[in-house]
PDB file of N, CA and C in Angstrom:
ATOM      1  N   MET A   1     108.388 264.371 123.879  1.00  0.00           N
ATOM      2  CA  MET A   1     109.300 263.070 124.356  1.00  0.00           C
ATOM      3  C   MET A   1     110.155 263.743 125.872  1.00  0.00           C
ATOM      4  N   ALA A   2     110.371 263.486 126.545  1.00  0.00           N
ATOM      5  CA  ALA A   2     111.214 264.254 127.778  1.00  0.00           C
ATOM      6  C   ALA A   2     113.093 264.501 127.394  1.00  0.00           C
ATOM      7  N   ARG A   3     112.703 265.210 127.729  1.00  0.00           N
ATOM      8  CA  ARG A   3     114.263 265.463 127.438  1.00  0.00           C
ATOM      9  C   ARG A   3     115.474 264.841 127.897  1.00  0.00           C
ATOM     10  N   GLN A   4     116.797 264.455 127.310  1.00  0.00           N
ATOM     11  CA  GLN A   4     117.642 263.268 128.135  1.00  0.00           C
ATOM     12  C   GLN A   4     119.089 264.211 128.186  1.00  0.00           C
ATOM     13  N   TYR A   5     119.049 264.519 129.588  1.00  0.00           N
ATOM     14  CA  TYR A   5     120.820 265.066 129.461  1.00  0.00           C
ATOM     15  C   TYR A   5     121.922 264.609 130.043  1.00  0.00           C
ATOM     16  N   LYS A   6     123.016 264.990 129.244  1.00  0.00           N
ATOM     17  CA  LYS A   6     124.331 264.096 128.990  1.00  0.00           C
ATOM     18  C   LYS A   6     124.499 264.095 130.655  1.00  0.00           C
ATOM     19  N   ARG A   7     124.777 262.879 130.933  1.00  0.00           N
ATOM     20  CA  ARG A   7     125.464 262.562 132.084  1.00  0.00           C
ATOM     21  C   ARG A   7     126.711 263.421 132.406  1.00  0.00           C
ATOM     22  N   MET A   8     126.594 263.735 133.812  1.00  0.00           N
ATOM     23  CA  MET A   8     127.945 265.185 134.083  1.00  0.00           C
ATOM     24  C   MET A   8     129.209 264.127 134.220  1.00  0.00           C
ATOM     25  N   PRO A   9     130.082 264.683 134.307  1.00  0.00           N
ATOM     26  CA  PRO A   9     131.110 264.375 134.795  1.00  0.00           C
ATOM     27  C   PRO A   9     131.313 263.990 136.412  1.00  0.00           C
ATOM     28  N   PRO A  10     132.214 263.844 137.057  1.00  0.00           N
ATOM     29  CA  PRO A  10     132.189 263.558 138.429  1.00  0.00           C
ATOM     30  C   PRO A  10     132.783 264.982 139.079  1.00  0.00           C
ATOM     31  N   LEU A  11     131.986 265.407 139.725  1.00  0.00           N
ATOM     32  CA  LEU A  11     132.409 266.899 140.400  1.00  0.00           C
ATOM     33  C   LEU A  11     133.986 266.990 140.637  1.00  0.00           C
ATOM     34  N   TRP A  12     134.490 266.204 141.152  1.00  0.00           N
ATOM     35  CA  TRP A  12     136.166 266.529 140.853  1.00  0.00           C
ATOM     36  C   TRP A  12     136.601 266.739 139.757  1.00  0.00           C
ATOM     37  N   ARG A  13     135.988 266.218 138.726  1.00  0.00           N
ATOM     38  CA  ARG A  13     137.113 266.700 137.392  1.00  0.00           C
ATOM     39  C   ARG A  13     136.423 268.231 136.913  1.00  0.00           C
ATOM     40  N   ILE A  14     135.272 268.676 137.446  1.00  0.00           N
ATOM     41  CA  ILE A  14     134.776 269.530 136.746  1.00  0.00           C
ATOM     42  C   ILE A  14     135.371 270.708 137.727  1.00  0.00           C
ATOM     43  N   GLU A  15     135.757 270.219 139.195  1.00  0.00           N
ATOM     44  CA  GLU A  15     136.396 271.527 139.805  1.00  0.00           C
ATOM     45  C   GLU A  15     137.683 271.863 139.531  1.00  0.00           C
ATOM     46  N   ALA A  16     138.726 270.660 138.543  1.00  0.00           N
ATOM     47  CA  ALA A  16     139.669 270.641 138.427  1.00  0.00           C
ATOM     48  C   ALA A  16     139.941 271.562 136.996  1.00  0.00           C
ATOM     49  N   LEU A  17     138.924 271.771 136.481  1.00  0.00           N
ATOM     50  CA  LEU A  17     138.976 272.590 134.915  1.00  0.00           C
ATOM     51  C   LEU A  17     138.467 273.961 134.932  1.00  0.00           C
ATOM     52  N   LEU A  18     136.934 274.105 136.382  1.00  0.00           N
ATOM     53  CA  LEU A  18     136.132 274.912 136.364  1.00  0.00           C
ATOM     54  C   LEU A  18     136.194 275.841 137.554  1.00  0.00           C
ATOM     55  N   GLU A  19     136.066 276.976 137.645  1.00  0.00           N
ATOM     56  CA  GLU A  19     135.285 277.726 139.333  1.00  0.00           C
ATOM     57  C   GLU A  19     134.350 278.758 139.296  1.00  0.00           C
ATOM     58  N   LEU A  20     133.523 278.678 140.179  1.00  0.00           N
ATOM     59  CA  LEU A  20     132.481 279.651 139.556  1.00  0.00           C
ATOM     60  C   LEU A  20     133.096 281.177 139.501  1.00  0.00           C
ATOM     61  N   SER A  21     132.120 282.291 139.017  1.00  0.00           N
ATOM     62  CA  SER A  21     132.650 283.265 138.220  1.00  0.00           C
ATOM     63  C   SER A  21     131.466 284.489 138.899  1.00  0.00           C
ATOM     64  N   ASP A  22     131.943 285.469 139.622  1.00  0.00           N
ATOM     65  CA  ASP A  22     131.022 286.832 139.220  1.00  0.00           C
ATOM     66  C   ASP A  22     131.448 287.811 138.268  1.00  0.00           C
ATOM     67  N   ARG A  23     132.645 287.450 137.538  1.00  0.00           N
ATOM     68  CA  ARG A  23     132.575 288.041 136.740  1.00  0.00           C
ATOM     69  C   ARG A  23     132.457 287.794 135.110  1.00  0.00           C
ATOM     70  N   TYR A  24     132.005 286.932 134.509  1.00  0.00           N
ATOM     71  CA  TYR A  24     131.046 286.819 133.594  1.00  0.00           C
ATOM     72  C   TYR A  24     129.719 286.060 134.196  1.00  0.00           C
ATOM     73  N   SER A  25     129.095 286.144 132.425  1.00  0.00           N
ATOM     74  CA  SER A  25     127.516 285.783 133.072  1.00  0.00           C
ATOM     75  C   SER A  25     127.479 284.678 132.565  1.00  0.00           C
ATOM     76  N   SER A  26     128.213 283.988 131.844  1.00  0.00           N
ATOM     77  CA  SER A  26     127.793 282.446 131.877  1.00  0.00           C
ATOM     78  C   SER A  26     128.234 281.718 133.701  1.00  0.00           C
ATOM     79  N   GLY A  27     128.851 282.629 134.119  1.00  0.00           N
ATOM     80  CA  GLY A  27     128.952 282.217 135.588  1.00  0.00           C
ATOM     81  C   GLY A  27     130.128 281.193 136.263  1.00  0.00           C
ATOM     82  N   LEU A  28     131.303 281.312 134.969  1.00  0.00           N
ATOM     83  CA  LEU A  28     131.954 280.716 135.096  1.00  0.00           C
ATOM     84  C   LEU A  28     133.642 280.340 134.039  1.00  0.00           C
ATOM     85  N   GLN A  29     134.925 279.978 134.658  1.00  0.00           N
ATOM     86  CA  GLN A  29     135.731 280.787 134.156  1.00  0.00           C
ATOM     87  C   GLN A  29     137.207 279.679 134.343  1.00  0.00           C
ATOM     88  N   TRP A  30     138.453 279.383 133.536  1.00  0.00           N
ATOM     89  CA  TRP A  30     138.891 278.158 133.656  1.00  0.00           C
ATOM     90  C   TRP A  30     139.474 278.349 134.779  1.00  0.00           C
ATOM     91  N   ARG A  31     140.401 277.300 135.457  1.00  0.00           N
ATOM     92  CA  ARG A  31     141.176 276.807 136.547  1.00  0.00           C
ATOM     93  C   ARG A  31     142.325 276.980 136.366  1.00  0.00           C
ATOM     94  N   GLU A  32     142.989 276.562 134.709  1.00  0.00           N
ATOM     95  CA  GLU A  32     143.980 276.194 134.400  1.00  0.00           C
ATOM     96  C   GLU A  32     144.169 277.001 132.968  1.00  0.00           C
ATOM     97  N   THR A  33     145.456 276.801 132.343  1.00  0.00           N
ATOM     98  CA  THR A  33     145.811 277.400 131.208  1.00  0.00           C
ATOM     99  C   THR A  33     146.220 276.277 130.353  1.00  0.00           C
ATOM    100  N   ASN A  34     145.979 276.220 129.125  1.00  0.00           N
ATOM    101  CA  ASN A  34     146.175 275.012 128.466  1.00  0.00           C
ATOM    102  C   ASN A  34     146.327 275.674 126.496  1.00  0.00           C
ATOM    103  N   GLY A  35     146.595 275.183 126.045  1.00  0.00           N
ATOM    104  CA  GLY A  35     146.579 275.737 124.497  1.00  0.00           C
ATOM    105  C   GLY A  35     145.670 276.173 123.796  1.00  0.00           C
ATOM    106  N   TRP A  36     144.451 276.465 123.774  1.00  0.00           N
ATOM    107  CA  TRP A  36     143.386 277.452 123.972  1.00  0.00           C
ATOM    108  C   TRP A  36     142.324 277.867 124.846  1.00  0.00           C
ATOM    109  N   ARG A  37     142.717 278.130 125.873  1.00  0.00           N
ATOM    110  CA  ARG A  37     142.600 278.790 126.967  1.00  0.00           C
ATOM    111  C   ARG A  37     143.070 278.952 127.911  1.00  0.00           C
ATOM    112  N   LYS A  38     142.903 280.611 129.009  1.00  0.00           N
ATOM    113  CA  LYS A  38     143.825 280.366 129.830  1.00  0.00           C
ATOM    114  C   LYS A  38     142.928 281.107 131.374  1.00  0.00           C
ATOM    115  N   GLU A  39     144.013 280.601 131.959  1.00  0.00           N
ATOM    116  CA  GLU A  39     143.234 280.749 133.884  1.00  0.00           C
ATOM    117  C   GLU A  39     142.838 281.703 133.821  1.00  0.00           C
ATOM    118  N   GLY A  40     141.368 281.785 134.479  1.00  0.00           N
ATOM    119  CA  GLY A  40     140.746 283.285 134.442  1.00  0.00           C
ATOM    120  C   GLY A  40     139.639 284.001 133.422  1.00  0.00           C
ATOM    121  N   GLU A  41     140.046 283.369 132.414  1.00  0.00           N
ATOM    122  CA  GLU A  41     139.088 283.339 130.996  1.00  0.00           C
ATOM    123  C   GLU A  41     137.416 282.792 131.247  1.00  0.00           C
ATOM    124  N   MET A  42     137.104 283.124 130.898  1.00  0.00           N
ATOM    125  CA  MET A  42     135.441 283.110 130.728  1.00  0.00           C
ATOM    126  C   MET A  42     135.437 281.748 130.070  1.00  0.00           C
ATOM    127  N   ALA A  43     134.547 280.813 130.606  1.00  0.00           N
ATOM    128  CA  ALA A  43     134.622 279.307 130.229  1.00  0.00           C
ATOM    129  C   ALA A  43     132.672 279.064 129.641  1.00  0.00           C
ATOM    130  N   GLY A  44     132.965 279.464 128.745  1.00  0.00           N
ATOM    131  CA  GLY A  44     131.740 279.096 127.643  1.00  0.00           C
ATOM    132  C   GLY A  44     131.214 279.549 126.655  1.00  0.00           C
ATOM    133  N   LYS A  45     130.646 279.449 125.345  1.00  0.00           N
ATOM    134  CA  LYS A  45     130.517 280.375 124.802  1.00  0.00           C
ATOM    135  C   LYS A  45     128.739 279.965 124.415  1.00  0.00           C
ATOM    136  N   HIS A  46     128.504 281.543 124.510  1.00  0.00           N
ATOM    137  CA  HIS A  46     127.002 281.743 124.245  1.00  0.00           C
ATOM    138  C   HIS A  46     126.965 281.806 122.815  1.00  0.00           C
ATOM    139  N   VAL A  47     125.520 280.941 123.031  1.00  0.00           N
ATOM    140  CA  VAL A  47     124.538 280.693 121.840  1.00  0.00           C
ATOM    141  C   VAL A  47     123.161 281.297 121.676  1.00  0.00           C
ATOM    142  N   PRO A  48     123.321 282.150 120.804  1.00  0.00           N
ATOM    143  CA  PRO A  48     122.417 283.125 120.779  1.00  0.00           C
ATOM    144  C   PRO A  48     120.715 282.145 120.558  1.00  0.00           C
ATOM    145  N   SER A  49     120.828 281.537 119.627  1.00  0.00           N
ATOM    146  CA  SER A  49     119.715 280.819 119.015  1.00  0.00           C
ATOM    147  C   SER A  49     118.995 280.472 120.490  1.00  0.00           C
ATOM    148  N   THR A  50     119.571 279.987 121.158  1.00  0.00           N
ATOM    149  CA  THR A  50     119.045 279.327 122.632  1.00  0.00           C
ATOM    150  C   THR A  50     119.189 280.206 124.274  1.00  0.00           C
ATOM    151  N   GLY A  51     120.049 281.319 123.447  1.00  0.00           N
ATOM    152  CA  GLY A  51     120.119 282.232 125.280  1.00  0.00           C
ATOM    153  C   GLY A  51     121.078 281.625 125.760  1.00  0.00           C
ATOM    154  N   PHE A  52     121.411 279.939 125.820  1.00  0.00           N
ATOM    155  CA  PHE A  52     122.144 279.499 127.307  1.00  0.00           C
ATOM    156  C   PHE A  52     123.572 279.784 126.811  1.00  0.00           C
ATOM    157  N   TYR A  53     124.624 279.403 127.756  1.00  0.00           N
ATOM    158  CA  TYR A  53     125.886 279.050 127.280  1.00  0.00           C
ATOM    159  C   TYR A  53     126.277 277.603 127.325  1.00  0.00           C
ATOM    160  N   LEU A  54     127.454 277.214 126.480  1.00  0.00           N
ATOM    161  CA  LEU A  54     127.916 275.523 126.606  1.00  0.00           C
ATOM    162  C   LEU A  54     129.372 275.925 126.948  1.00  0.00           C
ATOM    163  N   VAL A  55     129.813 274.900 127.573  1.00  0.00           N
ATOM    164  CA  VAL A  55     131.545 274.714 128.004  1.00  0.00           C
ATOM    165  C   VAL A  55     131.809 273.534 127.073  1.00  0.00           C
ATOM    166  N   ARG A  56     132.816 272.805 126.735  1.00  0.00           N
ATOM    167  CA  ARG A  56     133.286 272.545 125.918  1.00  0.00           C
ATOM    168  C   ARG A  56     134.281 271.841 126.718  1.00  0.00           C
ATOM    169  N   PHE A  57     134.422 270.433 127.422  1.00  0.00           N
ATOM    170  CA  PHE A  57     135.885 270.126 127.722  1.00  0.00           C
ATOM    171  C   PHE A  57     135.695 268.358 127.309  1.00  0.00           C
ATOM    172  N   ASP A  58     136.560 268.168 127.509  1.00  0.00           N
ATOM    173  CA  ASP A  58     137.099 266.611 127.234  1.00  0.00           C
ATOM    174  C   ASP A  58     136.194 265.315 126.259  1.00  0.00           C
ATOM    175  N   GLY A  59     136.100 266.217 125.510  1.00  0.00           N
ATOM    176  CA  GLY A  59     135.510 266.019 124.001  1.00  0.00           C
ATOM    177  C   GLY A  59     134.338 266.032 124.046  1.00  0.00           C
ATOM    178  N   ASP A  60     133.242 266.337 125.358  1.00  0.00           N
ATOM    179  CA  ASP A  60     132.202 266.648 125.260  1.00  0.00           C
ATOM    180  C   ASP A  60     131.610 268.480 125.705  1.00  0.00           C
ATOM    181  N   GLN A  61     130.248 268.561 125.646  1.00  0.00           N
ATOM    182  CA  GLN A  61     129.897 269.311 125.604  1.00  0.00           C
ATOM    183  C   GLN A  61     128.621 269.915 126.343  1.00  0.00           C
ATOM    184  N   TYR A  62     128.610 270.894 127.526  1.00  0.00           N
ATOM    185  CA  TYR A  62     127.297 270.633 128.510  1.00  0.00           C
ATOM    186  C   TYR A  62     127.112 272.312 128.825  1.00  0.00           C
ATOM    187  N   GLN A  63     126.031 271.808 129.115  1.00  0.00           N
ATOM    188  CA  GLN A  63     125.341 273.724 129.217  1.00  0.00           C
ATOM    189  C   GLN A  63     125.779 274.002 130.663  1.00  0.00           C
ATOM    190  N   ALA A  64     126.371 275.532 130.928  1.00  0.00           N
ATOM    191  CA  ALA A  64     127.026 275.860 131.757  1.00  0.00           C
ATOM    192  C   ALA A  64     126.163 276.080 132.588  1.00  0.00           C
ATOM    193  N   HIS A  65     124.879 275.973 133.034  1.00  0.00           N
ATOM    194  CA  HIS A  65     123.780 276.411 133.934  1.00  0.00           C
ATOM    195  C   HIS A  65     123.781 275.217 134.371  1.00  0.00           C
ATOM    196  N   ARG A  66     123.779 274.107 134.214  1.00  0.00           N
ATOM    197  CA  ARG A  66     124.028 272.813 134.562  1.00  0.00           C
ATOM    198  C   ARG A  66     125.246 272.660 135.614  1.00  0.00           C
ATOM    199  N   LEU A  67     126.408 272.792 135.273  1.00  0.00           N
ATOM    200  CA  LEU A  67     127.514 272.993 135.700  1.00  0.00           C
ATOM    201  C   LEU A  67     127.841 273.959 136.808  1.00  0.00           C
ATOM    202  N   VAL A  68     126.626 275.036 136.220  1.00  0.00           N
ATOM    203  CA  VAL A  68     126.793 276.258 138.184  1.00  0.00           C
ATOM    204  C   VAL A  68     126.056 275.017 138.902  1.00  0.00           C
ATOM    205  N   TYR A  69     125.250 275.286 138.277  1.00  0.00           N
ATOM    206  CA  TYR A  69     124.710 274.502 139.783  1.00  0.00           C
ATOM    207  C   TYR A  69     124.906 273.177 140.242  1.00  0.00           C
ATOM    208  N   TYR A  70     125.481 272.065 139.472  1.00  0.00           N
ATOM    209  CA  TYR A  70     126.733 271.474 140.064  1.00  0.00           C
ATOM    210  C   TYR A  70     127.466 271.881 141.062  1.00  0.00           C
ATOM    211  N   LEU A  71     128.417 272.986 140.804  1.00  0.00           N
ATOM    212  CA  LEU A  71     129.447 273.453 141.615  1.00  0.00           C
ATOM    213  C   LEU A  71     128.730 273.802 142.613  1.00  0.00           C
ATOM    214  N   ARG A  72     127.398 274.802 142.434  1.00  0.00           N
ATOM    215  CA  ARG A  72     127.247 275.744 143.986  1.00  0.00           C
ATOM    216  C   ARG A  72     126.632 274.739 144.985  1.00  0.00           C
ATOM    217  N   HIS A  73     125.979 273.548 144.285  1.00  0.00           N
ATOM    218  CA  HIS A  73     125.001 273.190 145.186  1.00  0.00           C
ATOM    219  C   HIS A  73     125.644 271.431 145.294  1.00  0.00           C
ATOM    220  N   ARG A  74     126.834 271.293 144.703  1.00  0.00           N
ATOM    221  CA  ARG A  74     127.748 269.996 145.218  1.00  0.00           C
ATOM    222  C   ARG A  74     126.400 268.620 144.808  1.00  0.00           C
ATOM    223  N   GLN A  75     125.634 269.135 143.863  1.00  0.00           N
ATOM    224  CA  GLN A  75     124.502 268.032 143.679  1.00  0.00           C
ATOM    225  C   GLN A  75     124.199 267.804 142.217  1.00  0.00           C
ATOM    226  N   ASP A  76     124.843 266.429 141.713  1.00  0.00           N
ATOM    227  CA  ASP A  76     124.632 266.148 140.146  1.00  0.00           C
ATOM    228  C   ASP A  76     123.042 266.638 140.018  1.00  0.00           C
ATOM    229  N   PRO A  77     122.743 267.551 138.763  1.00  0.00           N
ATOM    230  CA  PRO A  77     121.293 268.083 138.156  1.00  0.00           C
ATOM    231  C   PRO A  77     120.428 266.559 137.884  1.00  0.00           C
ATOM    232  N   GLU A  78     121.202 265.369 137.467  1.00  0.00           N
ATOM    233  CA  GLU A  78     120.992 263.900 136.766  1.00  0.00           C
ATOM    234  C   GLU A  78     119.821 264.792 135.889  1.00  0.00           C
ATOM    235  N   ASP A  79     118.789 264.028 135.949  1.00  0.00           N
ATOM    236  CA  ASP A  79     118.110 264.640 134.529  1.00  0.00           C
ATOM    237  C   ASP A  79     116.650 265.284 135.158  1.00  0.00           C
ATOM    238  N   SER A  80     117.454 265.840 136.205  1.00  0.00           N
ATOM    239  CA  SER A  80     116.379 267.667 136.458  1.00  0.00           C
ATOM    240  C   SER A  80     115.948 268.577 135.798  1.00  0.00           C
ATOM    241  N   ASP A  81     115.966 269.153 135.403  1.00  0.00           N
ATOM    242  CA  ASP A  81     115.933 270.630 135.263  1.00  0.00           C
ATOM    243  C   ASP A  81     116.344 271.462 135.604  1.00  0.00           C
ATOM    244  N   VAL A  82     117.128 272.258 135.447  1.00  0.00           N
ATOM    245  CA  VAL A  82     118.039 273.212 135.949  1.00  0.00           C
ATOM    246  C   VAL A  82     117.138 274.556 135.099  1.00  0.00           C
ATOM    247  N   LEU A  83     116.625 275.660 135.990  1.00  0.00           N
ATOM    248  CA  LEU A  83     116.081 276.448 135.285  1.00  0.00           C
ATOM    249  C   LEU A  83     116.304 278.036 136.163  1.00  0.00           C
ATOM    250  N   HIS A  84     116.590 278.868 135.586  1.00  0.00           N
ATOM    251  CA  HIS A  84     116.523 280.694 135.696  1.00  0.00           C
ATOM    252  C   HIS A  84     115.629 280.913 136.446  1.00  0.00           C
ATOM    253  N   GLU A  85     115.622 282.184 137.458  1.00  0.00           N
ATOM    254  CA  GLU A  85     114.993 282.407 137.561  1.00  0.00           C
ATOM    255  C   GLU A  85     114.018 283.073 137.134  1.00  0.00           C
ATOM    256  N   SER A  86     112.590 283.473 137.114  1.00  0.00           N
ATOM    257  CA  SER A  86     112.252 284.174 136.192  1.00  0.00           C
ATOM    258  C   SER A  86     112.410 285.748 136.512  1.00  0.00           C
ATOM    259  N   GLY A  87     112.204 286.322 135.651  1.00  0.00           N
ATOM    260  CA  GLY A  87     112.889 287.210 135.081  1.00  0.00           C
ATOM    261  C   GLY A  87     114.136 288.003 134.849  1.00  0.00           C
ATOM    262  N   ASN A  88     115.010 286.763 135.035  1.00  0.00           N
ATOM    263  CA  ASN A  88     116.077 286.663 134.519  1.00  0.00           C
ATOM    264  C   ASN A  88     116.065 285.934 132.564  1.00  0.00           C
ATOM    265  N   GLU A  89     115.783 287.036 132.098  1.00  0.00           N
ATOM    266  CA  GLU A  89     115.571 286.663 130.822  1.00  0.00           C
ATOM    267  C   GLU A  89     117.416 286.862 129.711  1.00  0.00           C
ATOM    268  N   THR A  90     118.120 286.858 130.042  1.00  0.00           N
ATOM    269  CA  THR A  90     119.723 286.928 129.553  1.00  0.00           C
ATOM    270  C   THR A  90     120.052 285.474 130.479  1.00  0.00           C
ATOM    271  N   LYS A  91     119.147 285.015 130.797  1.00  0.00           N
ATOM    272  CA  LYS A  91     120.142 283.802 131.219  1.00  0.00           C
ATOM    273  C   LYS A  91     121.661 283.923 131.893  1.00  0.00           C
ATOM    274  N   ASP A  92     121.507 284.778 132.944  1.00  0.00           N
ATOM    275  CA  ASP A  92     122.361 285.214 133.413  1.00  0.00           C
ATOM    276  C   ASP A  92     123.042 284.110 134.866  1.00  0.00           C
ATOM    277  N   ASN A  93     124.153 283.261 134.723  1.00  0.00           N
ATOM    278  CA  ASN A  93     124.204 282.320 135.763  1.00  0.00           C
ATOM    279  C   ASN A  93     124.788 282.359 136.551  1.00  0.00           C
ATOM    280  N   ARG A  94     124.874 283.685 136.874  1.00  0.00           N
ATOM    281  CA  ARG A  94     125.405 284.220 137.998  1.00  0.00           C
ATOM    282  C   ARG A  94     124.247 284.016 139.264  1.00  0.00           C
ATOM    283  N   GLN A  95     122.795 284.389 138.730  1.00  0.00           N
ATOM    284  CA  GLN A  95     122.032 284.914 139.455  1.00  0.00           C
ATOM    285  C   GLN A  95     120.750 283.811 139.701  1.00  0.00           C
ATOM    286  N   VAL A  96     119.566 283.494 140.244  1.00  0.00           N
ATOM    287  CA  VAL A  96     119.610 282.082 141.294  1.00  0.00           C
ATOM    288  C   VAL A  96     119.053 281.029 139.956  1.00  0.00           C
ATOM    289  N   LEU A  97     119.957 279.920 139.841  1.00  0.00           N
ATOM    290  CA  LEU A  97     119.222 278.612 139.382  1.00  0.00           C
ATOM    291  C   LEU A  97     118.812 277.739 140.847  1.00  0.00           C
ATOM    292  N   PHE A  98     117.630 277.024 140.308  1.00  0.00           N
ATOM    293  CA  PHE A  98     116.990 275.740 140.716  1.00  0.00           C
ATOM    294  C   PHE A  98     116.514 274.803 140.309  1.00  0.00           C
ATOM    295  N   LEU A  99     116.495 273.891 140.926  1.00  0.00           N
ATOM    296  CA  LEU A  99     116.139 272.533 140.105  1.00  0.00           C
ATOM    297  C   LEU A  99     114.846 271.989 140.545  1.00  0.00           C
ATOM    298  N   THR A 100     114.253 271.564 139.357  1.00  0.00           N
ATOM    299  CA  THR A 100     113.005 271.089 139.337  1.00  0.00           C
ATOM    300  C   THR A 100     112.619 269.722 138.663  1.00  0.00           C
ATOM    301  N   GLN A 101     112.206 269.012 139.437  1.00  0.00           N
ATOM    302  CA  GLN A 101     111.764 267.560 139.059  1.00  0.00           C
ATOM    303  C   GLN A 101     110.765 267.643 137.528  1.00  0.00           C
ATOM    304  N   ARG A 102     111.141 266.983 136.484  1.00  0.00           N
ATOM    305  CA  ARG A 102     109.795 267.064 135.513  1.00  0.00           C
ATOM    306  C   ARG A 102     109.421 265.961 136.119  1.00  0.00           C
ATOM    307  N   LYS A 103     107.708 265.971 135.543  1.00  0.00           N
ATOM    308  CA  LYS A 103     106.410 265.021 135.401  1.00  0.00           C
ATOM    309  C   LYS A 103     106.763 263.954 134.867  1.00  0.00           C
ATOM    310  N   SER A 104     106.794 262.926 134.946  1.00  0.00           N
ATOM    311  CA  SER A 104     106.897 261.641 134.334  1.00  0.00           C
ATOM    312  C   SER A 104     105.898 261.276 133.578  1.00  0.00           C
ATOM    313  N   HIS A 105     105.753 260.997 132.256  1.00  0.00           N
ATOM    314  CA  HIS A 105     104.692 260.636 131.816  1.00  0.00           C
ATOM    315  C   HIS A 105     104.723 259.008 131.184  1.00  0.00           C
ATOM    316  N   SER A 106     106.206 258.100 131.475  1.00  0.00           N
ATOM    317  CA  SER A 106     106.260 257.332 131.292  1.00  0.00           C
ATOM    318  C   SER A 106     105.330 256.163 131.262  1.00  0.00           C
ATOM    319  N   ASN A 107     104.358 256.392 132.098  1.00  0.00           N
ATOM    320  CA  ASN A 107     103.504 255.497 132.438  1.00  0.00           C
ATOM    321  C   ASN A 107     102.065 255.371 132.020  1.00  0.00           C
ATOM    322  N   ARG A 108     102.445 256.588 130.895  1.00  0.00           N
ATOM    323  CA  ARG A 108     100.584 256.701 130.068  1.00  0.00           C
ATOM    324  C   ARG A 108     101.299 255.751 128.997  1.00  0.00           C
ATOM    325  N   ALA A 109      99.942 255.615 128.084  1.00  0.00           N
ATOM    326  CA  ALA A 109      99.938 254.459 126.977  1.00  0.00           C
ATOM    327  C   ALA A 109     100.491 255.682 125.715  1.00  0.00           C
ATOM    328  N   PRO A 110     100.510 255.603 124.769  1.00  0.00           N
ATOM    329  CA  PRO A 110     100.710 256.350 123.658  1.00  0.00           C
ATOM    330  C   PRO A 110      99.537 256.770 123.390  1.00  0.00           C
ATOM    331  N   ASN A 111      98.759 258.192 122.616  1.00  0.00           N
ATOM    332  CA  ASN A 111      98.008 258.971 122.254  1.00  0.00           C
ATOM    333  C   ASN A 111      97.126 257.806 121.326  1.00  0.00           C
ATOM    334  N   LYS A 112      97.989 257.188 120.480  1.00  0.00           N
ATOM    335  CA  LYS A 112      96.823 256.416 119.194  1.00  0.00           C
ATOM    336  C   LYS A 112      96.443 255.079 120.454  1.00  0.00           C
ATOM    337  N   TYR A 113      97.040 254.831 121.509  1.00  0.00           N
ATOM    338  CA  TYR A 113      95.597 254.080 122.435  1.00  0.00           C
ATOM    339  C   TYR A 113      95.260 254.474 123.496  1.00  0.00           C
ATOM    340  N   ARG A 114      94.955 255.559 123.714  1.00  0.00           N
ATOM    341  CA  ARG A 114      93.972 256.721 124.690  1.00  0.00           C
ATOM    342  C   ARG A 114      92.586 256.464 124.452  1.00  0.00           C
ATOM    343  N   ARG A 115      91.732 255.804 125.287  1.00  0.00           N
ATOM    344  CA  ARG A 115      90.392 255.826 124.713  1.00  0.00           C
ATOM    345  C   ARG A 115      89.760 257.374 125.031  1.00  0.00           C
ATOM    346  N   ASP A 116      88.925 258.031 123.907  1.00  0.00           N
ATOM    347  CA  ASP A 116      88.465 259.136 124.112  1.00  0.00           C
ATOM    348  C   ASP A 116      86.691 258.709 125.063  1.00  0.00           C
ATOM    349  N   SER A 117      87.096 259.292 126.364  1.00  0.00           N
ATOM    350  CA  SER A 117      85.476 259.584 127.050  1.00  0.00           C
ATOM    351  C   SER A 117      84.649 259.507 126.459  1.00  0.00           C
ATOM    352  N   LYS A 118      84.196 260.387 125.262  1.00  0.00           N
ATOM    353  CA  LYS A 118      83.276 260.684 124.363  1.00  0.00           C
ATOM    354  C   LYS A 118      82.601 259.574 123.579  1.00  0.00           C
ATOM    355  N   LEU A 119      83.910 259.106 122.955  1.00  0.00           N
ATOM    356  CA  LEU A 119      83.618 258.126 122.109  1.00  0.00           C
ATOM    357  C   LEU A 119      83.006 255.968 122.833  1.00  0.00           C
ATOM    358  N   HIS A 120      83.942 256.244 123.883  1.00  0.00           N
ATOM    359  CA  HIS A 120      83.759 254.933 124.444  1.00  0.00           C
ATOM    360  C   HIS A 120      83.291 255.087 125.503  1.00  0.00           C
ATOM    361  N   THR A 121      81.600 255.297 125.717  1.00  0.00           N
ATOM    362  CA  THR A 121      80.648 255.527 127.072  1.00  0.00           C
ATOM    363  C   THR A 121      80.533 254.367 127.603  1.00  0.00           C
ATOM    364  N   ASP A 122      80.404 253.363 126.368  1.00  0.00           N
ATOM    365  CA  ASP A 122      80.109 252.111 127.086  1.00  0.00           C
ATOM    366  C   ASP A 122      81.067 251.233 127.707  1.00  0.00           C
ATOM    367  N   PHE A 123      82.221 251.539 128.108  1.00  0.00           N
ATOM    368  CA  PHE A 123      83.884 250.960 128.658  1.00  0.00           C
ATOM    369  C   PHE A 123      83.462 250.889 130.300  1.00  0.00           C
TER     370      PHE A 123
END
């Protein structure tokens, strides 16, 4: 099953809360201080099981590399994959990120309905 990405907030909302950062491997820092974060602190929490950074705001959680791509390119990644450059084993979002369109398999019939050419040679 294809991944379904969470809809991104509007760019103006992201820019109000976050800015790109060369200081942190999440690639992001907070723009404002509130009760639990300070301006200039790293935005995002590293998740060791996946190696990715997650950022929480407005009651939702977003993958930091998708936010970084959106801020850099001013283009919503929508349902595309945002990938780290090969060789970026630590998933450092300060390095190159690129967008790739996933191949759609939505037109394909489920496996149980496909014909095996070896079994159905008379069709």
